[in-house]
Amino acid sequence: MTQIQLSDAQAVILSAACAREDGAVFPVTTGLKGGAVGNVCKSLLKQGLIEEIPATDLNTVYRHDEDRGPVTLRATPLAYSTLGITDAPDTQGTGQPEAEAAPQPVRRRSGTKQEALIAMLSAEGGATIDEIVAALEWQPHTARGAMSGALKKKLGLTITSEKIADRGRVYKIEPSTL
């Protein structure tokens, strides 16, 4: 069986859905807005990781179907296995899962610049913006944006900074948040 690669947004949405008692995708917990949520959901539907079900709560409606009425989204058993959750709830008979799944950490893709940035910030001495720019061939504003957006907001990592006399401002990831 091929390994399904998930983007950060897909992994966050899927993890949140699998952590819910009913496996519901909505409400979405990421900082995505409008069309971005729809695009991520379409991709997850196409991969078979989520499925459409009749909506009972109007606050969780994904779309309106002419035949079925309001429709919402729920994680499928494939989603649980993709995230490595072995005790996936049984939603076939009653529509209610048997057990609540524990929240899973977000999976990160390997071999990416984001992974390299995390490694640099996790190292003993941390990294300066100039070191990040040189290593990843980014602009300074891209390095700062990646730290505040992808690492802090999306992945929930805590990044600290301190000014060191001979190096300048050094950024580090707190090991407890990895």
Protein backbone atom coordinates (compact mmCIF):
# COMPACT_ATOMS: atom_id res chain seq x y z
CA MET A 1 0.00 0.00 0.00
CA THR A 2 1.41 3.41 -0.93
CA GLN A 3 2.02 5.98 1.76
CA ILE A 4 -0.28 8.99 1.47
CA GLN A 5 1.63 12.27 1.73
CA LEU A 6 -0.33 15.02 3.50
CA SER A 7 0.31 18.74 3.40
CA ASP A 8 0.47 20.54 6.75
CA ALA A 9 -3.08 21.88 6.33
CA GLN A 10 -4.43 18.44 5.37
CA ALA A 11 -2.70 16.81 8.35
CA VAL A 12 -4.05 19.40 10.80
CA ILE A 13 -7.63 19.13 9.50
CA LEU A 14 -7.52 15.33 9.42
CA SER A 15 -5.93 15.06 12.88
CA ALA A 16 -8.59 17.34 14.36
CA ALA A 17 -11.37 15.34 12.71
CA CYS A 18 -9.96 12.02 13.91
CA ALA A 19 -9.64 13.40 17.44
CA ARG A 20 -13.34 14.28 17.56
CA GLU A 21 -15.83 11.80 18.90
CA ASP A 22 -17.90 11.82 15.71
CA GLY A 23 -14.98 12.24 13.25
CA ALA A 24 -16.45 15.52 11.97
CA VAL A 25 -14.24 17.79 9.89
CA PHE A 26 -16.15 20.94 10.83
CA PRO A 27 -15.55 23.27 12.56
CA VAL A 28 -12.09 23.55 10.99
CA THR A 29 -9.39 24.35 13.55
CA THR A 30 -6.70 25.74 11.23
CA GLY A 31 -6.20 29.35 10.32
CA LEU A 32 -7.36 28.67 6.76
CA LYS A 33 -10.07 30.87 5.37
CA GLY A 34 -12.75 30.50 2.70
CA GLY A 35 -11.58 28.89 -0.51
CA ALA A 36 -8.47 27.35 1.05
CA VAL A 37 -10.61 25.17 3.32
CA GLY A 38 -12.66 24.05 0.33
CA ASN A 39 -9.55 23.16 -1.66
CA VAL A 40 -8.08 21.10 1.19
CA CYS A 41 -11.41 19.31 1.73
CA LYS A 42 -11.76 18.56 -2.00
CA SER A 43 -8.30 17.03 -1.99
CA LEU A 44 -9.08 14.90 1.09
CA LEU A 45 -12.37 13.77 -0.50
CA LYS A 46 -10.56 12.80 -3.70
CA GLN A 47 -8.07 10.71 -1.70
CA GLY A 48 -10.90 8.99 0.20
CA LEU A 49 -9.73 10.30 3.57
CA ILE A 50 -13.04 12.05 4.31
CA GLU A 51 -16.59 11.36 3.19
CA GLU A 52 -19.82 13.28 2.81
CA ILE A 53 -22.65 12.51 5.25
CA PRO A 54 -26.01 14.20 5.93
CA ALA A 55 -25.55 17.19 8.24
CA THR A 56 -27.54 17.25 11.47
CA ASP A 57 -26.04 20.53 12.73
CA LEU A 58 -26.46 23.48 10.37
CA ASN A 59 -23.22 25.03 11.72
CA THR A 60 -21.20 22.18 10.19
CA VAL A 61 -22.61 22.23 6.63
CA TYR A 62 -20.00 21.76 3.88
CA ARG A 63 -22.42 22.14 0.98
CA HIS A 64 -26.08 21.74 0.04
CA ASP A 65 -27.01 18.81 -2.18
CA GLU A 66 -30.26 18.99 -4.17
CA ASP A 67 -31.15 15.38 -3.34
CA ARG A 68 -29.72 14.91 0.16
CA GLY A 69 -29.99 18.45 1.54
CA PRO A 70 -27.24 19.81 3.82
CA VAL A 71 -24.06 17.73 3.74
CA THR A 72 -21.08 17.73 6.10
CA LEU A 73 -17.78 15.84 6.14
CA ARG A 74 -16.45 13.02 8.34
CA ALA A 75 -13.10 11.18 8.50
CA THR A 76 -13.05 7.70 6.95
CA PRO A 77 -11.31 4.60 8.32
CA LEU A 78 -8.55 5.25 5.75
CA ALA A 79 -7.89 8.60 7.47
CA TYR A 80 -7.36 6.89 10.81
CA SER A 81 -4.97 4.34 9.33
CA THR A 82 -3.10 7.05 7.39
CA LEU A 83 -2.51 8.94 10.63
CA GLY A 84 -1.47 5.74 12.39
CA ILE A 85 -4.51 5.55 14.66
CA THR A 86 -5.10 1.86 15.28
CA ASP A 87 -8.29 2.13 17.30
CA ALA A 88 -10.40 3.80 14.60
CA PRO A 89 -14.05 4.19 15.63
CA ASP A 90 -16.68 1.98 14.06
CA THR A 91 -19.13 4.32 12.36
CA GLN A 92 -20.82 1.81 10.08
CA GLY A 93 -23.81 0.75 12.13
CA THR A 94 -24.92 3.45 14.55
CA GLY A 95 -23.29 6.53 13.06
CA GLN A 96 -21.53 7.00 16.40
CA PRO A 97 -17.94 5.91 16.95
CA GLU A 98 -17.12 3.33 19.62
CA ALA A 99 -14.20 5.17 21.20
CA GLU A 100 -12.66 8.61 21.02
CA ALA A 101 -9.31 8.67 19.24
CA ALA A 102 -6.37 10.44 20.84
CA PRO A 103 -5.12 13.52 18.99
CA GLN A 104 -2.15 12.70 16.79
CA PRO A 105 0.81 14.98 16.15
CA VAL A 106 1.01 16.63 12.75
CA ARG A 107 3.10 14.62 10.29
CA ARG A 108 5.83 16.54 8.56
CA ARG A 109 7.11 15.72 5.11
CA SER A 110 10.79 14.82 4.98
CA GLY A 111 13.43 16.42 2.79
CA THR A 112 11.82 19.86 2.78
CA LYS A 113 13.19 23.27 3.58
CA GLN A 114 10.76 23.42 6.51
CA GLU A 115 12.39 20.29 7.95
CA ALA A 116 15.84 21.87 7.44
CA LEU A 117 14.66 25.03 9.21
CA ILE A 118 13.35 23.00 12.15
CA ALA A 119 16.69 21.15 12.35
CA MET A 120 18.62 24.43 12.34
CA LEU A 121 16.45 25.96 15.06
CA SER A 122 16.59 22.76 17.13
CA ALA A 123 20.39 22.62 17.07
CA GLU A 124 22.34 23.45 20.24
CA GLY A 125 23.18 27.04 19.28
CA GLY A 126 20.02 27.84 17.31
CA ALA A 127 20.30 29.93 14.14
CA THR A 128 20.36 33.55 13.07
CA ILE A 129 18.37 34.96 10.17
CA ASP A 130 21.61 35.32 8.17
CA GLU A 131 22.48 31.64 8.75
CA ILE A 132 18.97 30.55 7.69
CA VAL A 133 19.09 32.76 4.58
CA ALA A 134 22.46 31.30 3.56
CA ALA A 135 21.52 27.67 4.22
CA LEU A 136 18.04 27.68 2.66
CA GLU A 137 18.59 30.31 -0.05
CA TRP A 138 15.64 32.35 1.21
CA GLN A 139 15.10 36.06 1.66
CA PRO A 140 15.13 37.30 5.29
CA HIS A 141 11.40 38.05 5.23
CA THR A 142 10.70 34.47 4.05
CA ALA A 143 12.67 33.01 6.96
CA ARG A 144 10.81 35.18 9.49
CA GLY A 145 7.47 34.37 7.84
CA ALA A 146 8.17 30.63 7.92
CA MET A 147 8.99 30.81 11.63
CA SER A 148 5.92 32.80 12.57
CA GLY A 149 3.47 31.16 10.16
CA ALA A 150 4.36 27.55 9.48
CA LEU A 151 6.26 26.74 12.66
CA LYS A 152 4.46 28.79 15.31
CA LYS A 153 0.90 29.00 14.04
CA LYS A 154 0.44 25.80 12.03
CA LEU A 155 2.72 23.38 13.87
CA GLY A 156 2.38 24.98 17.33
CA LEU A 157 6.13 25.12 18.00
CA THR A 158 7.47 27.66 20.50
CA ILE A 159 10.31 29.72 19.07
CA THR A 160 12.41 31.89 21.35
CA SER A 161 14.98 34.49 20.42
CA GLU A 162 17.80 36.14 22.28
CA LYS A 163 20.44 38.65 21.34
CA ILE A 164 23.98 37.26 21.56
CA ALA A 165 26.85 39.76 21.40
CA ASP A 166 28.97 38.16 18.66
CA ARG A 167 26.17 36.53 16.60
CA GLY A 168 23.20 38.89 16.80
CA ARG A 169 19.63 37.66 17.30
CA VAL A 170 19.53 33.86 17.61
CA TYR A 171 16.30 31.89 17.19
CA LYS A 172 15.68 28.50 18.83
CA ILE A 173 12.82 26.02 19.10
CA GLU A 174 11.99 24.99 22.65
CA PRO A 175 12.65 21.23 22.78
CA SER A 176 9.47 20.62 24.78
CA THR A 177 7.32 21.66 21.78
CA LEU A 178 8.93 19.33 19.22
